[in-house]
N, C-alpha and C. Protein backbone atom coordinates (compact mmCIF):
# COMPACT_ATOMS: atom_id res chain seq x y z
N MET A 1 46.30 -12.43 8.76
CA MET A 1 45.67 -12.03 7.51
C MET A 1 44.49 -12.96 7.20
N LYS A 2 44.73 -14.28 7.36
CA LYS A 2 43.68 -15.24 7.08
C LYS A 2 42.52 -15.07 8.06
N ASN A 3 42.84 -14.77 9.33
CA ASN A 3 41.79 -14.58 10.34
C ASN A 3 40.92 -13.37 10.01
N LYS A 4 41.54 -12.29 9.52
CA LYS A 4 40.78 -11.10 9.15
C LYS A 4 39.81 -11.42 8.01
N PHE A 5 40.29 -12.20 7.04
CA PHE A 5 39.43 -12.58 5.92
C PHE A 5 38.25 -13.42 6.39
N VAL A 6 38.49 -14.39 7.24
CA VAL A 6 37.44 -15.25 7.75
C VAL A 6 36.45 -14.43 8.58
N LEU A 7 36.95 -13.56 9.43
CA LEU A 7 36.06 -12.72 10.24
C LEU A 7 35.23 -11.79 9.36
N SER A 8 35.87 -11.24 8.33
CA SER A 8 35.13 -10.37 7.41
C SER A 8 34.03 -11.14 6.69
N ALA A 9 34.34 -12.35 6.26
CA ALA A 9 33.34 -13.17 5.57
C ALA A 9 32.18 -13.52 6.49
N ILE A 10 32.48 -13.86 7.73
CA ILE A 10 31.43 -14.18 8.70
C ILE A 10 30.58 -12.95 8.97
N PHE A 11 31.21 -11.81 9.12
CA PHE A 11 30.48 -10.57 9.38
C PHE A 11 29.52 -10.26 8.22
N LEU A 12 30.02 -10.37 6.99
CA LEU A 12 29.16 -10.10 5.83
C LEU A 12 28.01 -11.09 5.74
N PHE A 13 28.29 -12.35 6.04
CA PHE A 13 27.23 -13.37 6.00
C PHE A 13 26.15 -13.06 7.02
N VAL A 14 26.55 -12.68 8.23
CA VAL A 14 25.58 -12.38 9.28
C VAL A 14 24.77 -11.15 8.93
N CYS A 15 25.42 -10.14 8.37
CA CYS A 15 24.71 -8.90 8.04
C CYS A 15 23.71 -9.07 6.90
N PHE A 16 24.06 -9.90 5.93
CA PHE A 16 23.22 -9.99 4.74
C PHE A 16 22.45 -11.30 4.64
N SER A 17 22.47 -12.12 5.65
CA SER A 17 21.76 -13.40 5.57
C SER A 17 20.25 -13.21 5.50
N ASN A 18 19.72 -12.16 6.12
CA ASN A 18 18.28 -11.95 6.06
C ASN A 18 17.82 -11.49 4.68
N VAL A 19 18.74 -11.01 3.85
CA VAL A 19 18.38 -10.62 2.49
C VAL A 19 18.01 -11.84 1.66
N PHE A 20 18.67 -12.96 1.92
CA PHE A 20 18.46 -14.15 1.12
C PHE A 20 17.36 -15.04 1.69
N ALA A 21 16.99 -14.85 2.91
CA ALA A 21 15.97 -15.69 3.52
C ALA A 21 14.59 -15.08 3.24
N GLN A 22 13.65 -15.94 2.98
CA GLN A 22 12.28 -15.48 2.77
C GLN A 22 11.38 -16.20 3.76
N LYS A 23 10.48 -15.45 4.32
CA LYS A 23 9.54 -16.02 5.27
C LYS A 23 8.73 -17.11 4.58
N ALA A 24 8.45 -18.17 5.30
CA ALA A 24 7.59 -19.23 4.77
C ALA A 24 6.13 -18.78 4.94
N TYR A 25 5.46 -18.54 3.83
CA TYR A 25 4.08 -18.05 3.85
C TYR A 25 3.10 -19.19 3.65
N THR A 26 1.94 -19.04 4.25
CA THR A 26 0.81 -19.88 3.89
C THR A 26 0.09 -19.17 2.74
N GLY A 27 -0.84 -19.84 2.11
CA GLY A 27 -1.58 -19.21 1.02
C GLY A 27 -2.33 -17.98 1.48
N ASN A 28 -2.95 -18.05 2.65
CA ASN A 28 -3.70 -16.90 3.17
C ASN A 28 -2.79 -15.74 3.52
N GLU A 29 -1.62 -16.03 4.08
CA GLU A 29 -0.67 -14.96 4.43
C GLU A 29 -0.14 -14.28 3.18
N ALA A 30 0.18 -15.06 2.16
CA ALA A 30 0.67 -14.49 0.91
C ALA A 30 -0.40 -13.63 0.26
N PHE A 31 -1.63 -14.13 0.25
CA PHE A 31 -2.74 -13.36 -0.32
C PHE A 31 -2.93 -12.06 0.44
N ALA A 32 -2.88 -12.11 1.77
CA ALA A 32 -3.06 -10.91 2.59
C ALA A 32 -1.96 -9.90 2.30
N ARG A 33 -0.72 -10.37 2.15
CA ARG A 33 0.38 -9.45 1.86
C ARG A 33 0.18 -8.77 0.51
N VAL A 34 -0.19 -9.56 -0.49
CA VAL A 34 -0.40 -9.00 -1.83
C VAL A 34 -1.55 -8.00 -1.80
N GLN A 35 -2.62 -8.34 -1.13
CA GLN A 35 -3.77 -7.44 -1.07
C GLN A 35 -3.44 -6.16 -0.33
N THR A 36 -2.66 -6.26 0.72
CA THR A 36 -2.23 -5.07 1.47
C THR A 36 -1.40 -4.15 0.58
N GLU A 37 -0.50 -4.73 -0.18
CA GLU A 37 0.33 -3.93 -1.08
C GLU A 37 -0.51 -3.30 -2.19
N ARG A 38 -1.49 -4.04 -2.70
CA ARG A 38 -2.38 -3.47 -3.72
C ARG A 38 -3.17 -2.29 -3.15
N ASN A 39 -3.61 -2.41 -1.92
CA ASN A 39 -4.36 -1.32 -1.28
C ASN A 39 -3.48 -0.09 -1.11
N ARG A 40 -2.22 -0.31 -0.69
CA ARG A 40 -1.28 0.81 -0.54
C ARG A 40 -1.08 1.52 -1.87
N ALA A 41 -0.89 0.73 -2.93
CA ALA A 41 -0.66 1.30 -4.26
C ALA A 41 -1.91 1.98 -4.79
N ASP A 42 -3.07 1.40 -4.51
CA ASP A 42 -4.33 1.95 -5.00
C ASP A 42 -4.57 3.36 -4.47
N GLU A 43 -4.12 3.62 -3.26
CA GLU A 43 -4.28 4.96 -2.69
C GLU A 43 -3.46 6.00 -3.45
N LEU A 44 -2.35 5.56 -4.08
CA LEU A 44 -1.47 6.48 -4.78
C LEU A 44 -1.77 6.60 -6.27
N ILE A 45 -2.35 5.56 -6.84
CA ILE A 45 -2.65 5.59 -8.28
C ILE A 45 -4.04 6.16 -8.46
N ASP A 46 -4.06 7.48 -8.52
CA ASP A 46 -5.33 8.21 -8.62
C ASP A 46 -5.06 9.51 -9.36
N SER A 47 -6.03 9.96 -10.13
CA SER A 47 -5.85 11.17 -10.93
C SER A 47 -5.67 12.42 -10.09
N LYS A 48 -6.04 12.37 -8.81
CA LYS A 48 -5.88 13.56 -7.96
C LYS A 48 -4.43 13.76 -7.52
N TYR A 49 -3.58 12.76 -7.75
CA TYR A 49 -2.17 12.86 -7.38
C TYR A 49 -1.31 13.12 -8.60
N GLY A 50 -0.13 13.60 -8.34
CA GLY A 50 0.82 13.88 -9.42
C GLY A 50 1.56 12.64 -9.87
N PRO A 51 2.38 12.81 -10.90
CA PRO A 51 3.12 11.67 -11.46
C PRO A 51 4.04 10.98 -10.45
N ALA A 52 4.61 11.73 -9.53
CA ALA A 52 5.54 11.12 -8.57
C ALA A 52 4.83 10.10 -7.68
N GLN A 53 3.63 10.45 -7.21
CA GLN A 53 2.89 9.52 -6.36
C GLN A 53 2.40 8.32 -7.17
N ILE A 54 1.98 8.57 -8.39
CA ILE A 54 1.51 7.47 -9.24
C ILE A 54 2.65 6.50 -9.51
N LYS A 55 3.83 7.03 -9.81
CA LYS A 55 5.00 6.18 -10.05
C LYS A 55 5.38 5.40 -8.79
N ASN A 56 5.22 6.02 -7.64
CA ASN A 56 5.49 5.32 -6.38
C ASN A 56 4.52 4.15 -6.20
N GLY A 57 3.26 4.37 -6.49
CA GLY A 57 2.27 3.30 -6.42
C GLY A 57 2.59 2.18 -7.40
N MET A 58 3.05 2.54 -8.58
CA MET A 58 3.40 1.54 -9.57
C MET A 58 4.65 0.76 -9.14
N ARG A 59 5.57 1.42 -8.47
CA ARG A 59 6.75 0.74 -7.96
C ARG A 59 6.34 -0.32 -6.93
N ILE A 60 5.38 0.04 -6.08
CA ILE A 60 4.88 -0.92 -5.09
C ILE A 60 4.29 -2.14 -5.79
N LEU A 61 3.53 -1.90 -6.86
CA LEU A 61 2.91 -3.00 -7.60
C LEU A 61 3.97 -3.88 -8.29
N LYS A 62 4.99 -3.25 -8.84
CA LYS A 62 6.05 -4.03 -9.50
C LYS A 62 6.81 -4.88 -8.48
N ASN A 63 7.04 -4.34 -7.29
CA ASN A 63 7.68 -5.13 -6.24
C ASN A 63 6.78 -6.29 -5.81
N THR A 64 5.49 -6.06 -5.80
CA THR A 64 4.54 -7.13 -5.45
C THR A 64 4.54 -8.22 -6.51
N LEU A 65 4.70 -7.83 -7.78
CA LEU A 65 4.82 -8.83 -8.84
C LEU A 65 6.07 -9.68 -8.64
N MET A 66 7.16 -9.05 -8.21
CA MET A 66 8.39 -9.82 -7.94
C MET A 66 8.14 -10.82 -6.81
N PHE A 67 7.38 -10.40 -5.80
CA PHE A 67 7.03 -11.31 -4.72
C PHE A 67 6.22 -12.49 -5.25
N LEU A 68 5.25 -12.20 -6.12
CA LEU A 68 4.43 -13.27 -6.70
C LEU A 68 5.25 -14.20 -7.60
N ASP A 69 6.32 -13.67 -8.18
CA ASP A 69 7.17 -14.48 -9.06
C ASP A 69 8.17 -15.33 -8.31
N SER A 70 8.30 -15.13 -7.01
CA SER A 70 9.24 -15.95 -6.25
C SER A 70 8.76 -17.41 -6.24
N VAL A 71 9.69 -18.32 -6.23
CA VAL A 71 9.37 -19.75 -6.37
C VAL A 71 8.40 -20.25 -5.30
N PRO A 72 8.62 -19.95 -4.01
CA PRO A 72 7.68 -20.49 -3.01
C PRO A 72 6.24 -19.97 -3.19
N ILE A 73 6.12 -18.72 -3.60
CA ILE A 73 4.79 -18.13 -3.77
C ILE A 73 4.13 -18.70 -5.03
N LYS A 74 4.91 -18.89 -6.08
CA LYS A 74 4.35 -19.52 -7.29
C LYS A 74 3.83 -20.92 -6.98
N GLN A 75 4.56 -21.65 -6.17
CA GLN A 75 4.12 -23.00 -5.80
C GLN A 75 2.83 -22.95 -4.98
N LEU A 76 2.72 -21.97 -4.09
CA LEU A 76 1.49 -21.82 -3.32
C LEU A 76 0.32 -21.46 -4.22
N ALA A 77 0.57 -20.59 -5.19
CA ALA A 77 -0.50 -20.08 -6.04
C ALA A 77 -1.13 -21.16 -6.91
N VAL A 78 -0.38 -22.21 -7.20
CA VAL A 78 -0.92 -23.29 -8.04
C VAL A 78 -2.15 -23.91 -7.37
N GLY A 79 -2.11 -24.06 -6.08
CA GLY A 79 -3.24 -24.67 -5.37
C GLY A 79 -4.18 -23.66 -4.74
N TYR A 80 -3.91 -22.39 -4.92
CA TYR A 80 -4.70 -21.34 -4.27
C TYR A 80 -5.09 -20.32 -5.33
N THR A 81 -6.22 -20.53 -5.97
CA THR A 81 -6.58 -19.73 -7.14
C THR A 81 -6.74 -18.25 -6.85
N THR A 82 -7.19 -17.91 -5.66
CA THR A 82 -7.35 -16.49 -5.33
C THR A 82 -6.00 -15.78 -5.38
N LEU A 83 -4.97 -16.43 -4.90
CA LEU A 83 -3.61 -15.88 -4.98
C LEU A 83 -3.14 -15.86 -6.43
N TRP A 84 -3.45 -16.90 -7.17
CA TRP A 84 -3.04 -17.01 -8.57
C TRP A 84 -3.55 -15.83 -9.39
N TYR A 85 -4.81 -15.44 -9.18
CA TYR A 85 -5.41 -14.38 -9.97
C TYR A 85 -5.03 -12.97 -9.52
N GLN A 86 -4.29 -12.85 -8.45
CA GLN A 86 -3.82 -11.53 -8.02
C GLN A 86 -2.91 -10.91 -9.08
N ARG A 87 -2.19 -11.75 -9.82
CA ARG A 87 -1.30 -11.24 -10.86
C ARG A 87 -2.08 -10.44 -11.90
N SER A 88 -3.20 -10.96 -12.35
CA SER A 88 -3.99 -10.24 -13.36
C SER A 88 -4.56 -8.95 -12.78
N ASP A 89 -4.92 -8.97 -11.49
CA ASP A 89 -5.42 -7.75 -10.86
C ASP A 89 -4.32 -6.69 -10.79
N ILE A 90 -3.11 -7.12 -10.48
CA ILE A 90 -1.99 -6.17 -10.42
C ILE A 90 -1.67 -5.64 -11.81
N ASP A 91 -1.72 -6.50 -12.83
CA ASP A 91 -1.50 -6.04 -14.20
C ASP A 91 -2.52 -4.98 -14.59
N ARG A 92 -3.77 -5.17 -14.19
CA ARG A 92 -4.81 -4.19 -14.48
C ARG A 92 -4.52 -2.88 -13.73
N ASP A 93 -4.10 -2.97 -12.47
CA ASP A 93 -3.75 -1.78 -11.70
C ASP A 93 -2.60 -1.02 -12.35
N LEU A 94 -1.60 -1.76 -12.83
CA LEU A 94 -0.48 -1.11 -13.51
C LEU A 94 -0.94 -0.43 -14.79
N ALA A 95 -1.84 -1.06 -15.52
CA ALA A 95 -2.36 -0.45 -16.74
C ALA A 95 -3.06 0.87 -16.43
N CYS A 96 -3.79 0.91 -15.32
CA CYS A 96 -4.44 2.16 -14.91
C CYS A 96 -3.40 3.23 -14.62
N GLY A 97 -2.33 2.85 -13.96
CA GLY A 97 -1.25 3.80 -13.66
C GLY A 97 -0.60 4.33 -14.91
N TYR A 98 -0.33 3.43 -15.86
CA TYR A 98 0.27 3.89 -17.12
C TYR A 98 -0.68 4.81 -17.87
N ALA A 99 -1.98 4.53 -17.83
CA ALA A 99 -2.95 5.39 -18.50
C ALA A 99 -2.97 6.77 -17.86
N LEU A 100 -2.89 6.83 -16.53
CA LEU A 100 -2.86 8.13 -15.85
C LEU A 100 -1.60 8.92 -16.18
N LEU A 101 -0.52 8.21 -16.49
CA LEU A 101 0.74 8.86 -16.86
C LEU A 101 0.83 9.13 -18.36
N ASN A 102 -0.28 8.90 -19.07
CA ASN A 102 -0.35 9.09 -20.53
C ASN A 102 0.65 8.21 -21.28
N GLN A 103 0.91 7.03 -20.75
CA GLN A 103 1.79 6.06 -21.42
C GLN A 103 0.89 4.95 -21.97
N LYS A 104 0.15 5.31 -23.01
CA LYS A 104 -0.88 4.42 -23.56
C LYS A 104 -0.31 3.09 -24.05
N ASP A 105 0.87 3.13 -24.69
CA ASP A 105 1.46 1.89 -25.20
C ASP A 105 1.77 0.91 -24.08
N SER A 106 2.30 1.42 -22.98
CA SER A 106 2.61 0.57 -21.85
C SER A 106 1.33 0.07 -21.18
N ALA A 107 0.29 0.87 -21.22
CA ALA A 107 -0.98 0.48 -20.59
C ALA A 107 -1.61 -0.70 -21.33
N LEU A 108 -1.39 -0.75 -22.63
CA LEU A 108 -1.97 -1.85 -23.40
C LEU A 108 -1.12 -3.08 -23.25
């Protein structure tokens, strides 16, 4: 019984260990990742698309904000102003998305 528990715990640790690990980024790599995600979202946040695509683009931007809020990236951003200001660019992109969805209060 104890062996099954230990094996189960090891199995779960091995399966989910990559969820907790984050790649060590340089400032340029982090900036490139954020910019790539902004470009992906920018293609979807457009008046020619429907609400589903716009919401998908906004989801990408919100996930990118979570990436920027992670401790290692915040520490990098302190010394790398271009990365630091990506947050305000993403906030502006989100405001555009909310405006396209007629959610004026959220856009402001």
